[in-house]
Amino acid sequence: MTSIEIAKRYLDGWVRRDADAVLATLTPDGTYEDPSSRGPLSGEAFRGYMAGLWAAFPDLTFSAESIGEMGPDRVAAGR
């Protein structure tokens, strides 16, 4: 599976509100971090964070109008 395919599955998991699908795109040591996460999250902590975001923002969605490889194991998506 290519990095772009993984990124698309990751975004699709968020859109479908499927934490298992999002987590399946991460490596065993993979983490998530954004300005409000208060540091890197993984596993069940990341699952709880996703659930909290979906509850707080019921219309939360993501879309990528463009997506491309930026280097080895690096993907950028933008709108």
Protein backbone atom coordinates (compact mmCIF):
# COMPACT_ATOMS: atom_id res chain seq x y z
CA MET A 1 0.00 0.00 0.00
CA THR A 2 1.36 3.43 -0.92
CA SER A 3 1.70 6.37 1.44
CA ILE A 4 -1.05 8.17 -0.47
CA GLU A 5 -3.42 5.22 -0.06
CA ILE A 6 -2.71 5.16 3.68
CA ALA A 7 -3.34 8.90 3.96
CA LYS A 8 -6.66 8.53 2.12
CA ARG A 9 -7.72 5.70 4.45
CA TYR A 10 -6.73 7.85 7.43
CA LEU A 11 -8.88 10.77 6.25
CA ASP A 12 -11.74 8.45 5.33
CA GLY A 13 -11.66 6.99 8.85
CA TRP A 14 -12.06 10.47 10.30
CA VAL A 15 -14.94 11.29 7.95
CA ARG A 16 -16.73 8.01 8.78
CA ARG A 17 -16.02 8.49 12.50
CA ASP A 18 -14.31 5.12 12.59
CA ALA A 19 -11.56 5.21 15.20
CA ASP A 20 -10.51 1.64 14.37
CA ALA A 21 -9.94 2.63 10.74
CA VAL A 22 -7.91 5.69 11.74
CA LEU A 23 -5.80 3.71 14.21
CA ALA A 24 -5.22 0.97 11.61
CA THR A 25 -3.33 3.48 9.47
CA LEU A 26 -0.72 4.09 12.18
CA THR A 27 2.38 2.03 12.83
CA PRO A 28 2.56 0.42 16.30
CA ASP A 29 4.58 3.38 17.55
CA GLY A 30 2.62 5.98 15.53
CA THR A 31 1.24 9.05 17.27
CA TYR A 32 -1.14 11.93 16.59
CA GLU A 33 -0.65 15.50 17.74
CA ASP A 34 -2.40 18.80 17.13
CA PRO A 35 -2.36 22.13 18.98
CA SER A 36 -5.18 21.09 21.32
CA SER A 37 -4.07 17.50 22.05
CA ARG A 38 -1.53 18.60 24.68
CA GLY A 39 1.11 16.32 23.25
CA PRO A 40 1.36 13.16 21.19
CA LEU A 41 -1.43 10.59 21.51
CA SER A 42 -1.55 6.93 20.53
CA GLY A 43 -3.75 3.89 20.99
CA GLU A 44 -6.66 4.25 23.39
CA ALA A 45 -5.72 7.85 24.26
CA PHE A 46 -6.01 8.78 20.59
CA ARG A 47 -9.29 6.83 20.31
CA GLY A 48 -10.71 8.83 23.25
CA TYR A 49 -9.52 12.08 21.72
CA MET A 50 -11.27 11.29 18.44
CA ALA A 51 -14.49 10.43 20.30
CA GLY A 52 -14.28 13.72 22.17
CA LEU A 53 -13.79 15.72 18.98
CA TRP A 54 -16.69 13.97 17.26
CA ALA A 55 -18.95 14.62 20.28
CA ALA A 56 -17.93 18.28 20.55
CA PHE A 57 -18.08 18.94 16.81
CA PRO A 58 -20.78 16.70 15.31
CA ASP A 59 -20.29 18.19 11.85
CA LEU A 60 -16.49 17.73 11.89
CA THR A 61 -15.24 16.51 8.54
CA PHE A 62 -12.12 16.51 6.42
CA SER A 63 -11.52 16.62 2.72
CA ALA A 64 -8.43 16.73 0.60
CA GLU A 65 -8.67 18.47 -2.74
CA SER A 66 -5.07 17.58 -3.46
CA ILE A 67 -2.78 14.96 -2.04
CA GLY A 68 0.75 14.02 -3.01
CA GLU A 69 3.97 12.42 -1.87
CA MET A 70 6.50 14.91 -0.58
CA GLY A 71 9.31 12.43 -0.04
CA PRO A 72 9.87 8.98 1.46
CA ASP A 73 6.95 8.27 3.82
CA ARG A 74 5.79 11.90 3.59
CA VAL A 75 2.38 12.91 2.28
CA ALA A 76 0.80 16.34 2.16
CA ALA A 77 -2.90 16.99 1.71
CA GLY A 78 -4.51 20.35 1.18
CA ARG A 79 -7.65 22.07 0.19
